[in-house]
Protein backbone atom coordinates (compact mmCIF):
# COMPACT_ATOMS: atom_id res chain seq x y z
CA MET A 1 -36.81 22.13 -35.02
CA SER A 2 -38.03 20.78 -31.71
CA ALA A 3 -37.61 17.10 -30.79
CA ILE A 4 -41.38 16.82 -30.44
CA PHE A 5 -41.97 17.53 -34.12
CA ASN A 6 -39.10 15.47 -35.50
CA PHE A 7 -39.94 11.75 -35.26
CA GLN A 8 -36.35 10.49 -35.14
CA SER A 9 -35.44 12.95 -32.40
CA LEU A 10 -38.55 12.01 -30.44
CA LEU A 11 -37.56 8.34 -30.56
CA THR A 12 -34.06 9.26 -29.40
CA VAL A 13 -35.42 11.24 -26.45
CA ILE A 14 -37.72 8.37 -25.43
CA LEU A 15 -34.88 5.85 -25.66
CA LEU A 16 -32.61 8.08 -23.59
CA LEU A 17 -35.37 8.46 -20.97
CA ILE A 18 -35.79 4.68 -20.74
CA CYS A 19 -32.04 4.07 -20.45
CA THR A 20 -31.59 6.84 -17.90
CA CYS A 21 -34.40 5.55 -15.70
CA ALA A 22 -33.00 2.00 -15.80
CA TYR A 23 -29.54 3.32 -14.88
CA ILE A 24 -30.89 5.40 -11.99
CA ARG A 25 -32.74 2.35 -10.67
CA SER A 26 -29.51 0.34 -10.70
CA LEU A 27 -27.91 3.01 -8.50
CA ALA A 28 -30.86 3.75 -6.16
CA PRO A 29 -33.72 1.23 -6.51
CA SER A 30 -35.97 2.78 -3.86
CA LEU A 31 -35.95 6.16 -5.61
CA LEU A 32 -38.09 5.02 -8.55
CA ASP A 33 -39.90 2.07 -6.94
CA ARG A 34 -41.85 4.16 -4.44
CA ASN A 35 -43.61 6.26 -7.13
CA LYS A 36 -45.66 3.81 -9.19
CA THR A 37 -48.68 6.03 -9.84
CA GLY A 38 -49.27 9.56 -10.97
CA LEU A 39 -46.91 11.71 -12.96
CA LEU A 40 -43.79 10.12 -11.49
CA GLY A 41 -45.17 6.71 -12.42
CA VAL A 42 -44.04 7.40 -15.98
CA PHE A 43 -40.44 7.08 -14.80
CA TRP A 44 -41.25 3.79 -13.07
CA LYS A 45 -42.81 2.47 -16.28
CA CYS A 46 -39.75 3.57 -18.25
CA THR A 47 -37.59 1.72 -15.74
CA ARG A 48 -39.59 -1.49 -16.12
CA THR A 49 -39.42 -1.18 -19.89
CA GLY A 50 -35.67 -0.69 -19.77
CA LEU A 51 -35.14 -3.69 -17.51
CA ASN A 52 -37.29 -5.88 -19.76
CA LEU A 53 -35.34 -4.74 -22.82
CA GLN A 54 -32.13 -5.52 -21.01
CA LYS A 55 -33.31 -9.09 -20.31
CA ILE A 56 -34.25 -9.56 -23.97
CA MET A 57 -30.85 -8.34 -25.17
CA GLU A 58 -28.89 -10.78 -22.95
């Protein structure tokens, strides 16, 4: 079954995307910060979400 149709797998994929984007930003901040609109803006939004979650967890 595809991850799109299984709710638990979909949540796992979204969480991995958020964590991966936050990790990539810690290595190369300018890579994700220059694309804030359009299709690549989704990665920027995932990065911001990941950084906010990280602040909450501290």
